[in-house]
Each structure stands twice: as structure tokens, then as C-alpha cells.
């Protein structure tokens, strides 16, 4: 699988936005109750951004939502690769 195949199914801007929003939620003390909902939040954010970027189509909504969820998975890959603890 090459990067072109990934770009066909994911929107990199949304993945990066999801990583940033998830990180902000995780490290902001006021937002700590929302930590367990980070995957849902970035999924919805991705769907909304997908429609803004590509127009209101089912494909754009799904690609945006999947891109948002991919940011959660990418965060976990980074954490495992860098041996970071879950707290911050």
C-alpha cells in the first residue's frame, strides 16, 4: 500500500485536525470529562470538515468521519512507538 492509496480514502487535513483536537482535549484540565469521548468527537468533527472540504455528499461525510477516527488510531501508534504514557 502506498501513500496514494491512503490519500484516496483519507483526508490528511482532517487527520491532522483530529490529532490536534484530541490532544487539546486530553491535556486541558477543564475538558478532562470529555476524554472518553475523543473518538466520537473527532469522528463528528471529521464528518463536518469532510462536508466543508468536499461538499455535502455521503462519500464526503464517510471519508471525513473515517479520517477523524484515523487520527485516534494514529495517536495510539505514536504513543506506542515513542513509549509515551497515557496521561499526557
PDB file of N, CA and C in Angstrom:
ATOM      1  N   UNK A   1       0.852  -1.180   0.000  1.00  0.00           N
ATOM      2  CA  UNK A   1       0.000   0.000   0.000  1.00  0.00           C
ATOM      3  C   UNK A   1       0.894   1.237   0.000  1.00  0.00           C
ATOM      4  N   UNK A   2       0.649   2.133  -0.900  1.00  0.00           N
ATOM      5  CA  UNK A   2       1.433   3.354  -0.970  1.00  0.00           C
ATOM      6  C   UNK A   2       0.611   4.543  -0.467  1.00  0.00           C
ATOM      7  N   UNK A   3       1.249   5.686  -0.428  1.00  0.00           N
ATOM      8  CA  UNK A   3       0.567   6.871   0.099  1.00  0.00           C
ATOM      9  C   UNK A   3      -0.579   7.330  -0.787  1.00  0.00           C
ATOM     10  N   UNK A   4      -0.504   7.045  -2.070  1.00  0.00           N
ATOM     11  CA  UNK A   4      -1.587   7.440  -2.974  1.00  0.00           C
ATOM     12  C   UNK A   4      -2.885   6.719  -2.606  1.00  0.00           C
ATOM     13  N   UNK A   5      -2.785   5.444  -2.248  1.00  0.00           N
ATOM     14  CA  UNK A   5      -3.975   4.684  -1.855  1.00  0.00           C
ATOM     15  C   UNK A   5      -4.573   5.240  -0.567  1.00  0.00           C
ATOM     16  N   UNK A   6      -3.719   5.658   0.344  1.00  0.00           N
ATOM     17  CA  UNK A   6      -4.210   6.245   1.597  1.00  0.00           C
ATOM     18  C   UNK A   6      -4.906   7.572   1.315  1.00  0.00           C
ATOM     19  N   UNK A   7      -4.331   8.382   0.438  1.00  0.00           N
ATOM     20  CA  UNK A   7      -4.939   9.676   0.107  1.00  0.00           C
ATOM     21  C   UNK A   7      -6.281   9.533  -0.584  1.00  0.00           C
ATOM     22  N   UNK A   8      -6.536   8.396  -1.217  1.00  0.00           N
ATOM     23  CA  UNK A   8      -7.830   8.174  -1.852  1.00  0.00           C
ATOM     24  C   UNK A   8      -8.942   8.000  -0.829  1.00  0.00           C
ATOM     25  N   UNK A   9      -8.599   7.523   0.365  1.00  0.00           N
ATOM     26  CA  UNK A   9      -9.617   7.200   1.365  1.00  0.00           C
ATOM     27  C   UNK A   9      -9.582   8.095   2.602  1.00  0.00           C
ATOM     28  N   UNK A  10      -8.477   8.791   2.821  1.00  0.00           N
ATOM     29  CA  UNK A  10      -8.357   9.671   3.977  1.00  0.00           C
ATOM     30  C   UNK A  10      -8.075  11.092   3.514  1.00  0.00           C
ATOM     31  N   UNK A  11      -8.477  12.041   4.308  1.00  0.00           N
ATOM     32  CA  UNK A  11      -8.205  13.446   4.025  1.00  0.00           C
ATOM     33  C   UNK A  11      -7.177  13.902   5.067  1.00  0.00           C
ATOM     34  N   UNK A  12      -5.907  14.075   4.649  1.00  0.00           N
ATOM     35  CA  UNK A  12      -4.836  14.368   5.611  1.00  0.00           C
ATOM     36  C   UNK A  12      -5.099  15.582   6.500  1.00  0.00           C
ATOM     37  N   UNK A  13      -5.723  16.616   5.977  1.00  0.00           N
ATOM     38  CA  UNK A  13      -6.016  17.810   6.785  1.00  0.00           C
ATOM     39  C   UNK A  13      -6.931  17.448   7.953  1.00  0.00           C
ATOM     40  N   UNK A  14      -7.878  16.562   7.711  1.00  0.00           N
ATOM     41  CA  UNK A  14      -8.808  16.160   8.768  1.00  0.00           C
ATOM     42  C   UNK A  14      -8.098  15.281   9.790  1.00  0.00           C
ATOM     43  N   UNK A  15      -7.198  14.416   9.339  1.00  0.00           N
ATOM     44  CA  UNK A  15      -6.433  13.588  10.274  1.00  0.00           C
ATOM     45  C   UNK A  15      -5.623  14.488  11.206  1.00  0.00           C
ATOM     46  N   UNK A  16      -4.966  15.483  10.656  1.00  0.00           N
ATOM     47  CA  UNK A  16      -4.169  16.406  11.472  1.00  0.00           C
ATOM     48  C   UNK A  16      -5.064  17.208  12.422  1.00  0.00           C
ATOM     49  N   UNK A  17      -6.201  17.676  11.928  1.00  0.00           N
ATOM     50  CA  UNK A  17      -7.133  18.415  12.785  1.00  0.00           C
ATOM     51  C   UNK A  17      -7.619  17.532  13.932  1.00  0.00           C
ATOM     52  N   UNK A  18      -7.907  16.269  13.645  1.00  0.00           N
ATOM     53  CA  UNK A  18      -8.340  15.340  14.686  1.00  0.00           C
ATOM     54  C   UNK A  18      -7.261  15.106  15.728  1.00  0.00           C
ATOM     55  N   UNK A  19      -6.008  14.978  15.275  1.00  0.00           N
ATOM     56  CA  UNK A  19      -4.897  14.820  16.217  1.00  0.00           C
ATOM     57  C   UNK A  19      -4.793  16.032  17.140  1.00  0.00           C
ATOM     58  N   UNK A  20      -4.912  17.210  16.576  1.00  0.00           N
ATOM     59  CA  UNK A  20      -4.788  18.436  17.370  1.00  0.00           C
ATOM     60  C   UNK A  20      -5.938  18.566  18.365  1.00  0.00           C
ATOM     61  N   UNK A  21      -7.160  18.358  17.905  1.00  0.00           N
ATOM     62  CA  UNK A  21      -8.322  18.476  18.794  1.00  0.00           C
ATOM     63  C   UNK A  21      -8.253  17.420  19.902  1.00  0.00           C
ATOM     64  N   UNK A  22      -7.901  16.194  19.548  1.00  0.00           N
ATOM     65  CA  UNK A  22      -7.775  15.143  20.556  1.00  0.00           C
ATOM     66  C   UNK A  22      -6.717  15.474  21.593  1.00  0.00           C
ATOM     67  N   UNK A  23      -5.592  16.006  21.145  1.00  0.00           N
ATOM     68  CA  UNK A  23      -4.522  16.388  22.064  1.00  0.00           C
ATOM     69  C   UNK A  23      -4.977  17.501  23.003  1.00  0.00           C
ATOM     70  N   UNK A  24      -5.636  18.505  22.453  1.00  0.00           N
ATOM     71  CA  UNK A  24      -6.112  19.628  23.274  1.00  0.00           C
ATOM     72  C   UNK A  24      -7.102  19.136  24.328  1.00  0.00           C
ATOM     73  N   UNK A  25      -8.002  18.247  23.941  1.00  0.00           N
ATOM     74  CA  UNK A  25      -8.964  17.707  24.907  1.00  0.00           C
ATOM     75  C   UNK A  25      -8.234  16.928  25.994  1.00  0.00           C
ATOM     76  N   UNK A  26      -7.220  16.152  25.600  1.00  0.00           N
ATOM     77  CA  UNK A  26      -6.513  15.302  26.552  1.00  0.00           C
ATOM     78  C   UNK A  26      -5.711  16.107  27.565  1.00  0.00           C
ATOM     79  N   UNK A  27      -5.126  17.241  27.162  1.00  0.00           N
ATOM     80  CA  UNK A  27      -4.239  17.977  28.070  1.00  0.00           C
ATOM     81  C   UNK A  27      -4.899  19.161  28.769  1.00  0.00           C
ATOM     82  N   UNK A  28      -6.110  19.522  28.400  1.00  0.00           N
ATOM     83  CA  UNK A  28      -6.788  20.656  29.028  1.00  0.00           C
ATOM     84  C   UNK A  28      -7.579  20.168  30.239  1.00  0.00           C
ATOM     85  N   UNK A  29      -7.234  20.660  31.438  1.00  0.00           N
ATOM     86  CA  UNK A  29      -7.904  20.164  32.647  1.00  0.00           C
ATOM     87  C   UNK A  29      -9.426  20.319  32.624  1.00  0.00           C
ATOM     88  N   UNK A  30      -9.927  21.409  32.085  1.00  0.00           N
ATOM     89  CA  UNK A  30     -11.373  21.641  32.064  1.00  0.00           C
ATOM     90  C   UNK A  30     -12.089  20.603  31.195  1.00  0.00           C
ATOM     91  N   UNK A  31     -11.404  20.094  30.190  1.00  0.00           N
ATOM     92  CA  UNK A  31     -12.025  19.160  29.242  1.00  0.00           C
ATOM     93  C   UNK A  31     -11.806  17.689  29.605  1.00  0.00           C
ATOM     94  N   UNK A  32     -11.260  17.411  30.774  1.00  0.00           N
ATOM     95  CA  UNK A  32     -10.981  16.032  31.166  1.00  0.00           C
ATOM     96  C   UNK A  32     -12.203  15.110  31.121  1.00  0.00           C
ATOM     97  N   UNK A  33     -13.399  15.569  31.482  1.00  0.00           N
ATOM     98  CA  UNK A  33     -14.560  14.669  31.376  1.00  0.00           C
ATOM     99  C   UNK A  33     -14.851  14.218  29.944  1.00  0.00           C
ATOM    100  N   UNK A  34     -14.387  14.964  28.957  1.00  0.00           N
ATOM    101  CA  UNK A  34     -14.643  14.619  27.552  1.00  0.00           C
ATOM    102  C   UNK A  34     -13.620  13.639  26.991  1.00  0.00           C
ATOM    103  N   UNK A  35     -12.613  13.257  27.769  1.00  0.00           N
ATOM    104  CA  UNK A  35     -11.551  12.374  27.262  1.00  0.00           C
ATOM    105  C   UNK A  35     -12.086  11.074  26.707  1.00  0.00           C
ATOM    106  N   UNK A  36     -13.056  10.492  27.374  1.00  0.00           N
ATOM    107  CA  UNK A  36     -13.572   9.200  26.911  1.00  0.00           C
ATOM    108  C   UNK A  36     -14.359   9.321  25.611  1.00  0.00           C
ATOM    109  N   UNK A  37     -14.716  10.534  25.244  1.00  0.00           N
ATOM    110  CA  UNK A  37     -15.481  10.753  24.013  1.00  0.00           C
ATOM    111  C   UNK A  37     -14.629  11.275  22.857  1.00  0.00           C
ATOM    112  N   UNK A  38     -13.304  11.273  23.014  1.00  0.00           N
ATOM    113  CA  UNK A  38     -12.434  11.793  21.959  1.00  0.00           C
ATOM    114  C   UNK A  38     -12.683  11.107  20.616  1.00  0.00           C
ATOM    115  N   UNK A  39     -12.774   9.768  20.537  1.00  0.00           N
ATOM    116  CA  UNK A  39     -13.043   9.161  19.218  1.00  0.00           C
ATOM    117  C   UNK A  39     -14.350   9.650  18.593  1.00  0.00           C
ATOM    118  N   UNK A  40     -15.389   9.787  19.388  1.00  0.00           N
ATOM    119  CA  UNK A  40     -16.669  10.279  18.871  1.00  0.00           C
ATOM    120  C   UNK A  40     -16.555  11.736  18.422  1.00  0.00           C
ATOM    121  N   UNK A  41     -15.867  12.547  19.211  1.00  0.00           N
ATOM    122  CA  UNK A  41     -15.713  13.965  18.880  1.00  0.00           C
ATOM    123  C   UNK A  41     -14.953  14.137  17.574  1.00  0.00           C
ATOM    124  N   UNK A  42     -13.832  13.413  17.409  1.00  0.00           N
ATOM    125  CA  UNK A  42     -13.052  13.582  16.177  1.00  0.00           C
ATOM    126  C   UNK A  42     -13.755  12.955  14.979  1.00  0.00           C
ATOM    127  N   UNK A  43     -14.586  11.949  15.203  1.00  0.00           N
ATOM    128  CA  UNK A  43     -15.382  11.368  14.118  1.00  0.00           C
ATOM    129  C   UNK A  43     -16.398  12.390  13.606  1.00  0.00           C
ATOM    130  N   UNK A  44     -17.102  13.023  14.520  1.00  0.00           N
ATOM    131  CA  UNK A  44     -18.087  14.040  14.129  1.00  0.00           C
ATOM    132  C   UNK A  44     -17.387  15.247  13.506  1.00  0.00           C
ATOM    133  N   UNK A  45     -16.280  15.675  14.106  1.00  0.00           N
ATOM    134  CA  UNK A  45     -15.507  16.778  13.534  1.00  0.00           C
ATOM    135  C   UNK A  45     -15.058  16.441  12.113  1.00  0.00           C
ATOM    136  N   UNK A  46     -14.589  15.215  11.921  1.00  0.00           N
ATOM    137  CA  UNK A  46     -14.153  14.794  10.591  1.00  0.00           C
ATOM    138  C   UNK A  46     -15.282  14.807   9.582  1.00  0.00           C
ATOM    139  N   UNK A  47     -16.459  14.343   9.996  1.00  0.00           N
ATOM    140  CA  UNK A  47     -17.610  14.341   9.089  1.00  0.00           C
ATOM    141  C   UNK A  47     -17.998  15.765   8.694  1.00  0.00           C
ATOM    142  N   UNK A  48     -17.979  16.669   9.663  1.00  0.00           N
ATOM    143  CA  UNK A  48     -18.319  18.069   9.374  1.00  0.00           C
ATOM    144  C   UNK A  48     -17.268  18.699   8.457  1.00  0.00           C
ATOM    145  N   UNK A  49     -15.993  18.492   8.777  1.00  0.00           N
ATOM    146  CA  UNK A  49     -14.935  19.055   7.936  1.00  0.00           C
ATOM    147  C   UNK A  49     -14.935  18.434   6.543  1.00  0.00           C
ATOM    148  N   UNK A  50     -15.267  17.151   6.467  1.00  0.00           N
ATOM    149  CA  UNK A  50     -15.342  16.494   5.163  1.00  0.00           C
ATOM    150  C   UNK A  50     -16.382  17.127   4.268  1.00  0.00           C
ATOM    151  N   UNK A  51     -17.513  17.485   4.848  1.00  0.00           N
ATOM    152  CA  UNK A  51     -18.555  18.136   4.041  1.00  0.00           C
ATOM    153  C   UNK A  51     -18.162  19.562   3.668  1.00  0.00           C
ATOM    154  N   UNK A  52     -17.424  20.228   4.546  1.00  0.00           N
ATOM    155  CA  UNK A  52     -16.962  21.583   4.225  1.00  0.00           C
ATOM    156  C   UNK A  52     -15.933  21.536   3.096  1.00  0.00           C
ATOM    157  N   UNK A  53     -15.026  20.576   3.159  1.00  0.00           N
ATOM    158  CA  UNK A  53     -13.949  20.493   2.173  1.00  0.00           C
ATOM    159  C   UNK A  53     -14.446  19.970   0.830  1.00  0.00           C
ATOM    160  N   UNK A  54     -15.287  18.926   0.854  1.00  0.00           N
ATOM    161  CA  UNK A  54     -15.655  18.252  -0.393  1.00  0.00           C
ATOM    162  C   UNK A  54     -17.106  18.441  -0.811  1.00  0.00           C
ATOM    163  N   UNK A  55     -17.879  19.137  -0.030  1.00  0.00           N
ATOM    164  CA  UNK A  55     -19.287  19.307  -0.370  1.00  0.00           C
ATOM    165  C   UNK A  55     -20.141  18.282   0.352  1.00  0.00           C
ATOM    166  N   UNK A  56     -21.434  18.503   0.344  1.00  0.00           N
ATOM    167  CA  UNK A  56     -22.352  17.644   1.087  1.00  0.00           C
ATOM    168  C   UNK A  56     -22.708  16.426   0.243  1.00  0.00           C
ATOM    169  N   UNK A  57     -21.933  15.359   0.441  1.00  0.00           N
ATOM    170  CA  UNK A  57     -22.220  14.069  -0.180  1.00  0.00           C
ATOM    171  C   UNK A  57     -22.001  12.995   0.870  1.00  0.00           C
ATOM    172  N   UNK A  58     -22.594  11.852   0.650  1.00  0.00           N
ATOM    173  CA  UNK A  58     -22.410  10.738   1.586  1.00  0.00           C
ATOM    174  C   UNK A  58     -20.941  10.336   1.624  1.00  0.00           C
ATOM    175  N   UNK A  59     -20.301  10.317   0.469  1.00  0.00           N
ATOM    176  CA  UNK A  59     -18.887   9.950   0.400  1.00  0.00           C
ATOM    177  C   UNK A  59     -18.025  10.912   1.216  1.00  0.00           C
ATOM    178  N   UNK A  60     -18.299  12.202   1.130  1.00  0.00           N
ATOM    179  CA  UNK A  60     -17.527  13.195   1.879  1.00  0.00           C
ATOM    180  C   UNK A  60     -17.725  13.020   3.378  1.00  0.00           C
ATOM    181  N   UNK A  61     -18.949  12.734   3.792  1.00  0.00           N
ATOM    182  CA  UNK A  61     -19.229  12.525   5.217  1.00  0.00           C
ATOM    183  C   UNK A  61     -18.485  11.302   5.730  1.00  0.00           C
ATOM    184  N   UNK A  62     -18.535  10.206   4.973  1.00  0.00           N
ATOM    185  CA  UNK A  62     -17.870   8.974   5.400  1.00  0.00           C
ATOM    186  C   UNK A  62     -16.357   9.143   5.400  1.00  0.00           C
ATOM    187  N   UNK A  63     -15.806   9.728   4.330  1.00  0.00           N
ATOM    188  CA  UNK A  63     -14.357   9.946   4.279  1.00  0.00           C
ATOM    189  C   UNK A  63     -13.901  10.855   5.414  1.00  0.00           C
ATOM    190  N   UNK A  64     -14.672  11.872   5.729  1.00  0.00           N
ATOM    191  CA  UNK A  64     -14.329  12.762   6.824  1.00  0.00           C
ATOM    192  C   UNK A  64     -14.374  12.058   8.168  1.00  0.00           C
ATOM    193  N   UNK A  65     -15.421  11.268   8.387  1.00  0.00           N
ATOM    194  CA  UNK A  65     -15.549  10.539   9.652  1.00  0.00           C
ATOM    195  C   UNK A  65     -14.424   9.522   9.814  1.00  0.00           C
ATOM    196  N   UNK A  66     -14.109   8.796   8.752  1.00  0.00           N
ATOM    197  CA  UNK A  66     -13.019   7.809   8.807  1.00  0.00           C
ATOM    198  C   UNK A  66     -11.684   8.510   9.034  1.00  0.00           C
ATOM    199  N   UNK A  67     -11.486   9.656   8.412  1.00  0.00           N
ATOM    200  CA  UNK A  67     -10.254  10.418   8.621  1.00  0.00           C
ATOM    201  C   UNK A  67     -10.149  10.880  10.074  1.00  0.00           C
ATOM    202  N   UNK A  68     -11.254  11.301  10.653  1.00  0.00           N
ATOM    203  CA  UNK A  68     -11.253  11.692  12.056  1.00  0.00           C
ATOM    204  C   UNK A  68     -10.911  10.530  12.971  1.00  0.00           C
ATOM    205  N   UNK A  69     -11.496   9.372  12.697  1.00  0.00           N
ATOM    206  CA  UNK A  69     -11.191   8.187  13.505  1.00  0.00           C
ATOM    207  C   UNK A  69      -9.756   7.727  13.294  1.00  0.00           C
ATOM    208  N   UNK A  70      -9.232   7.907  12.096  1.00  0.00           N
ATOM    209  CA  UNK A  70      -7.843   7.530  11.824  1.00  0.00           C
ATOM    210  C   UNK A  70      -6.885   8.339  12.689  1.00  0.00           C
ATOM    211  N   UNK A  71      -7.259   9.558  13.022  1.00  0.00           N
ATOM    212  CA  UNK A  71      -6.398  10.372  13.882  1.00  0.00           C
ATOM    213  C   UNK A  71      -6.277   9.748  15.270  1.00  0.00           C
ATOM    214  N   UNK A  72      -7.335   9.118  15.747  1.00  0.00           N
ATOM    215  CA  UNK A  72      -7.280   8.433  17.041  1.00  0.00           C
ATOM    216  C   UNK A  72      -6.324   7.253  16.975  1.00  0.00           C
ATOM    217  N   UNK A  73      -6.427   6.475  15.906  1.00  0.00           N
ATOM    218  CA  UNK A  73      -5.522   5.340  15.726  1.00  0.00           C
ATOM    219  C   UNK A  73      -4.086   5.786  15.554  1.00  0.00           C
ATOM    220  N   UNK A  74      -3.873   6.865  14.820  1.00  0.00           N
ATOM    221  CA  UNK A  74      -2.527   7.385  14.607  1.00  0.00           C
ATOM    222  C   UNK A  74      -1.926   7.865  15.920  1.00  0.00           C
ATOM    223  N   UNK A  75      -2.742   8.473  16.763  1.00  0.00           N
ATOM    224  CA  UNK A  75      -2.280   8.898  18.077  1.00  0.00           C
ATOM    225  C   UNK A  75      -1.778   7.699  18.876  1.00  0.00           C
ATOM    226  N   UNK A  76      -2.509   6.598  18.836  1.00  0.00           N
ATOM    227  CA  UNK A  76      -2.106   5.404  19.574  1.00  0.00           C
ATOM    228  C   UNK A  76      -0.819   4.809  19.014  1.00  0.00           C
ATOM    229  N   UNK A  77      -0.657   4.836  17.693  1.00  0.00           N
ATOM    230  CA  UNK A  77       0.578   4.343  17.075  1.00  0.00           C
ATOM    231  C   UNK A  77       1.764   5.179  17.543  1.00  0.00           C
ATOM    232  N   UNK A  78       1.616   6.508  17.557  1.00  0.00           N
ATOM    233  CA  UNK A  78       2.687   7.379  18.039  1.00  0.00           C
ATOM    234  C   UNK A  78       3.014   7.078  19.493  1.00  0.00           C
ATOM    235  N   UNK A  79       1.988   6.896  20.310  1.00  0.00           N
ATOM    236  CA  UNK A  79       2.211   6.638  21.733  1.00  0.00           C
ATOM    237  C   UNK A  79       2.984   5.342  21.946  1.00  0.00           C
ATOM    238  N   UNK A  80       2.616   4.303  21.212  1.00  0.00           N
ATOM    239  CA  UNK A  80       3.309   3.013  21.342  1.00  0.00           C
ATOM    240  C   UNK A  80       4.742   3.122  20.823  1.00  0.00           C
ATOM    241  N   UNK A  81       4.933   3.789  19.691  1.00  0.00           N
ATOM    242  CA  UNK A  81       6.262   3.897  19.094  1.00  0.00           C
ATOM    243  C   UNK A  81       7.211   4.715  19.972  1.00  0.00           C
ATOM    244  N   UNK A  82       6.696   5.729  20.629  1.00  0.00           N
ATOM    245  CA  UNK A  82       7.524   6.602  21.458  1.00  0.00           C
ATOM    246  C   UNK A  82       7.498   6.222  22.933  1.00  0.00           C
ATOM    247  N   UNK A  83       6.782   5.144  23.270  1.00  0.00           N
ATOM    248  CA  UNK A  83       6.652   4.671  24.654  1.00  0.00           C
ATOM    249  C   UNK A  83       6.174   5.775  25.594  1.00  0.00           C
ATOM    250  N   UNK A  84       5.147   6.495  25.167  1.00  0.00           N
ATOM    251  CA  UNK A  84       4.583   7.563  25.991  1.00  0.00           C
ATOM    252  C   UNK A  84       3.497   7.008  26.897  1.00  0.00           C
ATOM    253  N   UNK A  85       3.395   7.596  28.091  1.00  0.00           N
ATOM    254  CA  UNK A  85       2.332   7.162  28.992  1.00  0.00           C
ATOM    255  C   UNK A  85       0.999   7.753  28.556  1.00  0.00           C
ATOM    256  N   UNK A  86      -0.091   7.196  29.009  1.00  0.00           N
ATOM    257  CA  UNK A  86      -1.434   7.602  28.580  1.00  0.00           C
ATOM    258  C   UNK A  86      -1.860   8.933  29.171  1.00  0.00           C
ATOM    259  N   UNK A  87      -1.320   9.359  30.278  1.00  0.00           N
ATOM    260  CA  UNK A  87      -1.813  10.531  30.981  1.00  0.00           C
ATOM    261  C   UNK A  87      -1.631  11.871  30.312  1.00  0.00           C
ATOM    262  N   UNK A  88      -0.690  12.055  29.399  1.00  0.00           N
ATOM    263  CA  UNK A  88      -0.498  13.398  28.895  1.00  0.00           C
ATOM    264  C   UNK A  88       0.312  13.514  27.682  1.00  0.00           C
TER     265      UNK A  88
END
